[in-house]
C-alpha atoms as a PDB file:
ATOM      1  CA  MET A   1      -4.966  21.209 -19.570  1.00  0.00           C
ATOM      2  CA  LYS A   2      -3.701  17.713 -18.815  1.00  0.00           C
ATOM      3  CA  THR A   3      -6.331  14.987 -18.466  1.00  0.00           C
ATOM      4  CA  MET A   4      -6.528  13.611 -14.931  1.00  0.00           C
ATOM      5  CA  GLU A   5      -5.798   9.873 -15.194  1.00  0.00           C
ATOM      6  CA  LEU A   6      -8.194   8.396 -12.641  1.00  0.00           C
ATOM      7  CA  TYR A   7      -7.350   4.801 -13.627  1.00  0.00           C
ATOM      8  CA  ALA A   8      -3.770   5.359 -12.443  1.00  0.00           C
ATOM      9  CA  GLU A   9      -4.929   6.168  -8.915  1.00  0.00           C
ATOM     10  CA  ASN A  10      -7.695   3.582  -8.705  1.00  0.00           C
ATOM     11  CA  SER A  11      -8.079   0.780 -11.252  1.00  0.00           C
ATOM     12  CA  TYR A  12     -11.489  -0.148  -9.840  1.00  0.00           C
ATOM     13  CA  ILE A  13     -13.424   2.993 -10.846  1.00  0.00           C
ATOM     14  CA  LYS A  14     -15.989   1.821 -13.397  1.00  0.00           C
ATOM     15  CA  GLU A  15     -17.996   5.010 -14.018  1.00  0.00           C
ATOM     16  CA  CYS A  16     -17.622   8.772 -13.577  1.00  0.00           C
ATOM     17  CA  GLU A  17     -18.856  12.185 -14.763  1.00  0.00           C
ATOM     18  CA  VAL A  18     -16.475  14.213 -16.934  1.00  0.00           C
ATOM     19  CA  GLN A  19     -16.306  17.476 -18.883  1.00  0.00           C
ATOM     20  CA  ILE A  20     -15.305  17.909 -22.518  1.00  0.00           C
ATOM     21  CA  VAL A  21     -12.028  19.794 -23.018  1.00  0.00           C
ATOM     22  CA  SER A  22     -11.714  19.576 -26.796  1.00  0.00           C
ATOM     23  CA  LEU A  23     -13.573  17.965 -29.678  1.00  0.00           C
ATOM     24  CA  ASN A  24     -12.436  17.107 -33.190  1.00  0.00           C
ATOM     25  CA  GLY A  25     -15.024  15.052 -35.005  1.00  0.00           C
ATOM     26  CA  ARG A  26     -15.110  11.666 -33.283  1.00  0.00           C
ATOM     27  CA  LEU A  27     -11.996  12.442 -31.229  1.00  0.00           C
ATOM     28  CA  VAL A  28     -12.586  13.827 -27.723  1.00  0.00           C
ATOM     29  CA  VAL A  29     -10.364  14.949 -24.845  1.00  0.00           C
ATOM     30  CA  PHE A  30     -11.938  15.050 -21.381  1.00  0.00           C
ATOM     31  CA  ASP A  31     -10.827  16.790 -18.186  1.00  0.00           C
ATOM     32  CA  ARG A  32     -10.392  13.359 -16.586  1.00  0.00           C
ATOM     33  CA  THR A  33     -10.765   9.752 -17.636  1.00  0.00           C
ATOM     34  CA  ILE A  34     -11.111   6.203 -16.352  1.00  0.00           C
ATOM     35  CA  PHE A  35     -10.120   4.788 -19.764  1.00  0.00           C
ATOM     36  CA  TYR A  36      -6.591   3.357 -19.904  1.00  0.00           C
ATOM     37  CA  PRO A  37      -5.052   4.475 -23.232  1.00  0.00           C
ATOM     38  CA  GLY A  38      -2.947   1.352 -23.727  1.00  0.00           C
ATOM     39  CA  GLY A  39       0.786   0.907 -23.364  1.00  0.00           C
ATOM     40  CA  GLY A  40       3.357  -1.409 -21.828  1.00  0.00           C
ATOM     41  CA  GLY A  41       1.806  -4.397 -23.565  1.00  0.00           C
ATOM     42  CA  GLN A  42      -1.665  -3.747 -22.120  1.00  0.00           C
ATOM     43  CA  PRO A  43      -4.432  -2.867 -24.621  1.00  0.00           C
ATOM     44  CA  CYS A  44      -6.646   0.161 -24.152  1.00  0.00           C
ATOM     45  CA  ASP A  45      -9.955  -0.010 -22.356  1.00  0.00           C
ATOM     46  CA  LYS A  46     -13.323  -0.462 -24.047  1.00  0.00           C
ATOM     47  CA  GLY A  47     -16.635   1.032 -22.992  1.00  0.00           C
ATOM     48  CA  PHE A  48     -19.039   3.843 -23.752  1.00  0.00           C
ATOM     49  CA  ILE A  49     -20.000   7.385 -22.824  1.00  0.00           C
ATOM     50  CA  LYS A  50     -23.498   8.716 -22.252  1.00  0.00           C
ATOM     51  CA  GLN A  51     -24.629  12.280 -22.882  1.00  0.00           C
ATOM     52  CA  GLY A  52     -28.281  12.894 -22.181  1.00  0.00           C
ATOM     53  CA  ASP A  53     -30.178  10.069 -23.874  1.00  0.00           C
ATOM     54  CA  GLU A  54     -27.409   9.386 -26.380  1.00  0.00           C
ATOM     55  CA  ILE A  55     -24.903   6.536 -25.909  1.00  0.00           C
ATOM     56  CA  TYR A  56     -21.595   6.547 -27.817  1.00  0.00           C
ATOM     57  CA  GLU A  57     -19.224   3.595 -28.000  1.00  0.00           C
ATOM     58  CA  VAL A  58     -15.568   4.318 -27.208  1.00  0.00           C
ATOM     59  CA  VAL A  59     -13.845   2.397 -30.009  1.00  0.00           C
ATOM     60  CA  ASN A  60     -10.255   3.384 -29.227  1.00  0.00           C
ATOM     61  CA  VAL A  61      -8.230   5.278 -26.629  1.00  0.00           C
ATOM     62  CA  LYS A  62      -4.638   6.397 -27.119  1.00  0.00           C
ATOM     63  CA  ARG A  63      -2.110   8.890 -25.853  1.00  0.00           C
ATOM     64  CA  ILE A  64      -0.911  11.371 -28.472  1.00  0.00           C
ATOM     65  CA  ASP A  65       1.589  14.107 -27.587  1.00  0.00           C
ATOM     66  CA  GLY A  66       0.706  13.724 -23.916  1.00  0.00           C
ATOM     67  CA  GLU A  67      -3.062  13.959 -24.463  1.00  0.00           C
ATOM     68  CA  ILE A  68      -5.461  11.055 -23.954  1.00  0.00           C
ATOM     69  CA  ILE A  69      -7.692  10.873 -27.026  1.00  0.00           C
ATOM     70  CA  HIS A  70     -11.020   9.026 -26.908  1.00  0.00           C
ATOM     71  CA  GLU A  71     -12.279   7.922 -30.321  1.00  0.00           C
ATOM     72  CA  LEU A  72     -16.063   7.509 -30.464  1.00  0.00           C
ATOM     73  CA  ASP A  73     -18.231   5.593 -32.932  1.00  0.00           C
ATOM     74  CA  ARG A  74     -19.742   8.910 -34.094  1.00  0.00           C
ATOM     75  CA  PRO A  75     -19.312  12.645 -33.319  1.00  0.00           C
ATOM     76  CA  LEU A  76     -20.773  14.095 -30.124  1.00  0.00           C
ATOM     77  CA  GLN A  77     -23.757  16.405 -30.677  1.00  0.00           C
ATOM     78  CA  ASP A  78     -23.238  18.678 -27.656  1.00  0.00           C
ATOM     79  CA  THR A  79     -19.898  20.106 -26.550  1.00  0.00           C
ATOM     80  CA  GLN A  80     -21.206  21.718 -23.362  1.00  0.00           C
ATOM     81  CA  GLN A  81     -23.279  19.022 -21.670  1.00  0.00           C
ATOM     82  CA  GLU A  82     -21.624  16.770 -19.080  1.00  0.00           C
ATOM     83  CA  VAL A  83     -20.715  13.234 -20.058  1.00  0.00           C
ATOM     84  CA  ILE A  84     -20.870   9.995 -18.065  1.00  0.00           C
ATOM     85  CA  MET A  85     -18.188   7.497 -19.037  1.00  0.00           C
ATOM     86  CA  LYS A  86     -18.308   3.796 -18.220  1.00  0.00           C
ATOM     87  CA  ILE A  87     -15.687   1.163 -18.962  1.00  0.00           C
ATOM     88  CA  ASP A  88     -16.254  -2.431 -20.043  1.00  0.00           C
ATOM     89  CA  TRP A  89     -15.402  -3.879 -16.631  1.00  0.00           C
ATOM     90  CA  SER A  90     -15.028  -7.526 -17.691  1.00  0.00           C
ATOM     91  CA  TRP A  91     -12.390  -6.486 -20.280  1.00  0.00           C
ATOM     92  CA  ARG A  92     -10.602  -4.174 -17.829  1.00  0.00           C
ATOM     93  CA  PHE A  93     -10.552  -6.715 -14.998  1.00  0.00           C
ATOM     94  CA  GLN A  94      -9.231  -9.444 -17.286  1.00  0.00           C
ATOM     95  CA  ASN A  95      -6.393  -7.128 -18.338  1.00  0.00           C
ATOM     96  CA  MET A  96      -5.699  -6.254 -14.693  1.00  0.00           C
ATOM     97  CA  ARG A  97      -5.392  -9.953 -13.851  1.00  0.00           C
ATOM     98  CA  TYR A  98      -3.137 -10.664 -16.824  1.00  0.00           C
ATOM     99  CA  HIS A  99      -0.939  -7.633 -16.200  1.00  0.00           C
ATOM    100  CA  THR A 100      -0.410  -8.481 -12.532  1.00  0.00           C
ATOM    101  CA  LEU A 101       0.312 -12.132 -13.378  1.00  0.00           C
ATOM    102  CA  LEU A 102       2.957 -11.069 -15.918  1.00  0.00           C
ATOM    103  CA  HIS A 103       4.618  -8.995 -13.194  1.00  0.00           C
ATOM    104  CA  VAL A 104       4.586 -11.989 -10.834  1.00  0.00           C
ATOM    105  CA  ILE A 105       6.165 -14.342 -13.380  1.00  0.00           C
ATOM    106  CA  ALA A 106       8.773 -11.783 -14.435  1.00  0.00           C
ATOM    107  CA  GLY A 107       9.589 -10.986 -10.795  1.00  0.00           C
ATOM    108  CA  TYR A 108       9.946 -14.664  -9.878  1.00  0.00           C
ATOM    109  CA  LEU A 109      12.287 -15.374 -12.806  1.00  0.00           C
ATOM    110  CA  TYR A 110      14.332 -12.245 -12.091  1.00  0.00           C
ATOM    111  CA  GLN A 111      14.759 -13.122  -8.415  1.00  0.00           C
ATOM    112  CA  HIS A 112      15.659 -16.764  -9.011  1.00  0.00           C
ATOM    113  CA  TYR A 113      17.444 -16.701 -12.373  1.00  0.00           C
ATOM    114  CA  ASN A 114      18.317 -13.046 -13.036  1.00  0.00           C
ATOM    115  CA  ALA A 115      16.061 -13.086 -16.114  1.00  0.00           C
ATOM    116  CA  LEU A 116      15.024  -9.778 -17.663  1.00  0.00           C
ATOM    117  CA  ALA A 117      11.584  -9.298 -19.199  1.00  0.00           C
ATOM    118  CA  THR A 118      12.169  -7.711 -22.613  1.00  0.00           C
ATOM    119  CA  SER A 119       8.550  -7.391 -23.768  1.00  0.00           C
ATOM    120  CA  SER A 120       4.997  -8.446 -23.005  1.00  0.00           C
ATOM    121  CA  GLN A 121       1.636  -8.303 -24.724  1.00  0.00           C
ATOM    122  CA  ILE A 122      -1.883  -8.943 -23.457  1.00  0.00           C
ATOM    123  CA  GLU A 123      -4.261 -10.208 -26.136  1.00  0.00           C
ATOM    124  CA  LYS A 124      -7.938 -11.169 -26.218  1.00  0.00           C
ATOM    125  CA  ASP A 125      -7.618 -14.591 -24.605  1.00  0.00           C
ATOM    126  CA  GLN A 126      -3.952 -14.964 -23.702  1.00  0.00           C
ATOM    127  CA  ALA A 127      -0.777 -13.043 -22.919  1.00  0.00           C
ATOM    128  CA  ARG A 128       2.867 -13.476 -23.782  1.00  0.00           C
ATOM    129  CA  LEU A 129       6.049 -12.618 -21.959  1.00  0.00           C
ATOM    130  CA  GLU A 130       9.512 -12.588 -23.491  1.00  0.00           C
ATOM    131  CA  LEU A 131      12.557 -12.979 -21.267  1.00  0.00           C
ATOM    132  CA  ALA A 132      16.321 -12.878 -21.723  1.00  0.00           C
ATOM    133  CA  PHE A 133      18.617 -15.153 -19.721  1.00  0.00           C
ATOM    134  CA  THR A 134      22.353 -15.599 -19.450  1.00  0.00           C
ATOM    135  CA  PRO A 135      23.519 -18.699 -21.414  1.00  0.00           C
ATOM    136  CA  GLU A 136      24.798 -20.620 -18.399  1.00  0.00           C
ATOM    137  CA  ILE A 137      21.547 -20.096 -16.475  1.00  0.00           C
ATOM    138  CA  THR A 138      19.093 -21.055 -19.223  1.00  0.00           C
ATOM    139  CA  GLU A 139      20.047 -24.732 -19.164  1.00  0.00           C
ATOM    140  CA  LYS A 140      19.482 -24.951 -15.394  1.00  0.00           C
ATOM    141  CA  ILE A 141      15.955 -23.558 -15.276  1.00  0.00           C
ATOM    142  CA  PRO A 142      13.280 -26.258 -14.766  1.00  0.00           C
ATOM    143  CA  PHE A 143      10.758 -24.710 -17.172  1.00  0.00           C
ATOM    144  CA  GLU A 144       8.509 -27.757 -16.915  1.00  0.00           C
ATOM    145  CA  GLN A 145       8.012 -26.883 -13.240  1.00  0.00           C
ATOM    146  CA  LEU A 146       7.583 -23.129 -13.722  1.00  0.00           C
ATOM    147  CA  GLU A 147       3.780 -23.097 -13.752  1.00  0.00           C
ATOM    148  CA  GLN A 148       3.565 -25.022 -10.481  1.00  0.00           C
ATOM    149  CA  SER A 149       6.281 -22.838  -8.911  1.00  0.00           C
ATOM    150  CA  ILE A 150       4.276 -19.695  -9.705  1.00  0.00           C
ATOM    151  CA  LYS A 151       1.080 -21.301  -8.404  1.00  0.00           C
ATOM    152  CA  ASN A 152       2.861 -22.228  -5.172  1.00  0.00           C
ATOM    153  CA  LEU A 153       3.958 -18.609  -4.856  1.00  0.00           C
ATOM    154  CA  LEU A 154       0.421 -17.343  -5.467  1.00  0.00           C
ATOM    155  CA  ALA A 155      -1.039 -19.771  -2.934  1.00  0.00           C
ATOM    156  CA  GLN A 156      -0.103 -17.076  -0.424  1.00  0.00           C
ATOM    157  CA  THR A 157      -1.612 -13.590  -0.348  1.00  0.00           C
ATOM    158  CA  HIS A 158       0.472 -10.773  -1.851  1.00  0.00           C
ATOM    159  CA  ASN A 159      -0.723  -7.172  -1.868  1.00  0.00           C
ATOM    160  CA  VAL A 160      -0.128  -4.908  -4.855  1.00  0.00           C
ATOM    161  CA  HIS A 161       0.996  -1.359  -4.040  1.00  0.00           C
ATOM    162  CA  MET A 162       1.240   1.761  -6.199  1.00  0.00           C
ATOM    163  CA  LYS A 163       3.426   4.779  -5.499  1.00  0.00           C
ATOM    164  CA  THR A 164       4.940   7.671  -7.415  1.00  0.00           C
ATOM    165  CA  ILE A 165       8.592   8.568  -6.956  1.00  0.00           C
ATOM    166  CA  SER A 166      10.939  11.110  -8.512  1.00  0.00           C
ATOM    167  CA  ARG A 167      13.015  10.153 -11.524  1.00  0.00           C
ATOM    168  CA  ARG A 168      16.184  10.742  -9.493  1.00  0.00           C
ATOM    169  CA  GLU A 169      15.031   8.283  -6.826  1.00  0.00           C
ATOM    170  CA  ALA A 170      14.083   5.742  -9.492  1.00  0.00           C
ATOM    171  CA  GLU A 171      17.473   6.046 -11.171  1.00  0.00           C
ATOM    172  CA  GLN A 172      19.153   5.141  -7.895  1.00  0.00           C
ATOM    173  CA  LYS A 173      17.315   1.828  -7.668  1.00  0.00           C
ATOM    174  CA  GLU A 174      19.166  -1.266  -8.808  1.00  0.00           C
ATOM    175  CA  GLY A 175      17.838  -4.000 -11.071  1.00  0.00           C
ATOM    176  CA  THR A 176      15.141  -3.853 -13.698  1.00  0.00           C
ATOM    177  CA  ILE A 177      13.665  -0.495 -12.671  1.00  0.00           C
ATOM    178  CA  LYS A 178      16.941   1.266 -13.448  1.00  0.00           C
ATOM    179  CA  THR A 179      17.049  -0.394 -16.875  1.00  0.00           C
ATOM    180  CA  ILE A 180      13.505   0.689 -17.736  1.00  0.00           C
ATOM    181  CA  ILE A 181      13.992   4.262 -16.491  1.00  0.00           C
ATOM    182  CA  ASN A 182      16.775   4.751 -19.028  1.00  0.00           C
ATOM    183  CA  LEU A 183      14.250   4.026 -21.810  1.00  0.00           C
ATOM    184  CA  LEU A 184      11.675   6.581 -20.624  1.00  0.00           C
ATOM    185  CA  PRO A 185      11.578  10.151 -22.006  1.00  0.00           C
ATOM    186  CA  ALA A 186      13.898  12.549 -20.174  1.00  0.00           C
ATOM    187  CA  SER A 187      10.935  14.907 -19.683  1.00  0.00           C
ATOM    188  CA  LEU A 188       9.204  12.374 -17.410  1.00  0.00           C
ATOM    189  CA  ASN A 189      10.099  13.521 -13.902  1.00  0.00           C
ATOM    190  CA  GLU A 190       7.707  11.374 -11.860  1.00  0.00           C
ATOM    191  CA  ILE A 191       7.689   7.600 -12.150  1.00  0.00           C
ATOM    192  CA  ARG A 192       4.776   5.358 -11.183  1.00  0.00           C
ATOM    193  CA  ILE A 193       5.973   2.230  -9.398  1.00  0.00           C
ATOM    194  CA  ILE A 194       4.024  -1.013  -8.953  1.00  0.00           C
ATOM    195  CA  GLN A 195       5.225  -3.260  -6.136  1.00  0.00           C
ATOM    196  CA  ILE A 196       3.906  -6.749  -5.419  1.00  0.00           C
ATOM    197  CA  ASP A 197       5.075  -7.265  -1.825  1.00  0.00           C
ATOM    198  CA  ASP A 198       8.335  -9.235  -1.963  1.00  0.00           C
ATOM    199  CA  ILE A 199       7.847 -10.526  -5.526  1.00  0.00           C
ATOM    200  CA  ASP A 200       8.359  -7.623  -7.908  1.00  0.00           C
ATOM    201  CA  GLU A 201       8.856  -3.878  -8.206  1.00  0.00           C
ATOM    202  CA  GLN A 202       8.544  -2.188 -11.579  1.00  0.00           C
ATOM    203  CA  ALA A 203       8.005   1.162 -13.243  1.00  0.00           C
ATOM    204  CA  CYS A 204       4.593   0.674 -14.843  1.00  0.00           C
ATOM    205  CA  GLY A 205       1.650   2.792 -16.008  1.00  0.00           C
ATOM    206  CA  GLY A 206      -0.866  -0.033 -16.394  1.00  0.00           C
ATOM    207  CA  THR A 207      -3.774  -1.261 -14.287  1.00  0.00           C
ATOM    208  CA  HIS A 208      -3.456  -4.039 -11.702  1.00  0.00           C
ATOM    209  CA  VAL A 209      -5.472  -5.956  -9.133  1.00  0.00           C
ATOM    210  CA  ASN A 210      -5.089  -4.990  -5.467  1.00  0.00           C
ATOM    211  CA  ASN A 211      -4.174  -8.488  -4.355  1.00  0.00           C
ATOM    212  CA  THR A 212      -2.744 -11.528  -6.152  1.00  0.00           C
ATOM    213  CA  THR A 213      -5.684 -13.670  -4.973  1.00  0.00           C
ATOM    214  CA  GLU A 214      -7.728 -11.857  -7.651  1.00  0.00           C
ATOM    215  CA  ILE A 215      -5.564 -13.274 -10.452  1.00  0.00           C
ATOM    216  CA  GLY A 216      -7.219 -16.686 -10.222  1.00  0.00           C
ATOM    217  CA  ASP A 217      -6.100 -19.854 -11.956  1.00  0.00           C
ATOM    218  CA  PHE A 218      -3.912 -19.832 -15.062  1.00  0.00           C
ATOM    219  CA  SER A 219      -1.854 -22.029 -17.325  1.00  0.00           C
ATOM    220  CA  ILE A 220       1.471 -21.543 -19.087  1.00  0.00           C
ATOM    221  CA  VAL A 221       0.317 -23.032 -22.385  1.00  0.00           C
ATOM    222  CA  LYS A 222       3.577 -22.800 -24.326  1.00  0.00           C
ATOM    223  CA  ILE A 223       7.267 -22.009 -23.830  1.00  0.00           C
ATOM    224  CA  GLN A 224       9.108 -21.167 -27.044  1.00  0.00           C
ATOM    225  CA  ASN A 225      12.772 -20.630 -27.799  1.00  0.00           C
ATOM    226  CA  LYS A 226      13.379 -17.205 -29.350  1.00  0.00           C
ATOM    227  CA  GLY A 227      17.138 -17.554 -29.681  1.00  0.00           C
ATOM    228  CA  ALA A 228      19.938 -19.076 -27.609  1.00  0.00           C
ATOM    229  CA  THR A 229      19.146 -17.024 -24.497  1.00  0.00           C
ATOM    230  CA  LYS A 230      15.543 -15.902 -25.013  1.00  0.00           C
ATOM    231  CA  LYS A 231      12.237 -17.566 -24.181  1.00  0.00           C
ATOM    232  CA  ARG A 232       8.650 -16.634 -24.940  1.00  0.00           C
ATOM    233  CA  LEU A 233       5.964 -17.741 -22.480  1.00  0.00           C
ATOM    234  CA  LYS A 234       2.328 -17.894 -23.528  1.00  0.00           C
ATOM    235  CA  ILE A 235      -0.060 -17.635 -20.589  1.00  0.00           C
ATOM    236  CA  GLN A 236      -3.804 -18.124 -20.360  1.00  0.00           C
ATOM    237  CA  LEU A 237      -6.189 -17.290 -17.536  1.00  0.00           C
ATOM    238  CA  LEU A 238      -8.597 -20.107 -16.724  1.00  0.00           C
END
């Protein structure tokens, strides 16, 4: 039985009732979950589960062989009783803001300078984004103006949309989506797409805000050279 991934349909669900599917010590699989298991540079969710009067901290969540495994601080005492799970919302919402902002920056640089995001990572109090450029373009990019350019873009409202399309349809799309699809397992037949109005469209399994106004203020704190045609941006929410 595959765990229903509620976070993928609605990133704003903070609490829900679930049933235990399997239990192995401190490792639990539920019939559905609001905990994001990490991936794509976004860390897993934090939070706790409650069963009766007992509260268990969820110390780690990860996907193993297609199953979402919740690691608790100690073993559950009852395998039959329903469980209420609740995420650490401040941590989740911060990651949603960072993740959406990374999409905006990557989309802007792709549209204007044909840059490709090669990796990203959200950390406790900052995020990084690595991009590859063509040699002739790199010298022309006004990096010192990039932060203000992104802020000017975000001064207007942009909605964030989620949809699921077939792998065949995704493979027919041009640009960065096609590149990413080639890296995904061949067994993955449905692809989750995140679109930020006219800014960006990406295959992505992470959590995002519904509107770019929720990102808030930010700063690009450092731009590093990572080779002749690669840059690393360090970004911090304010």
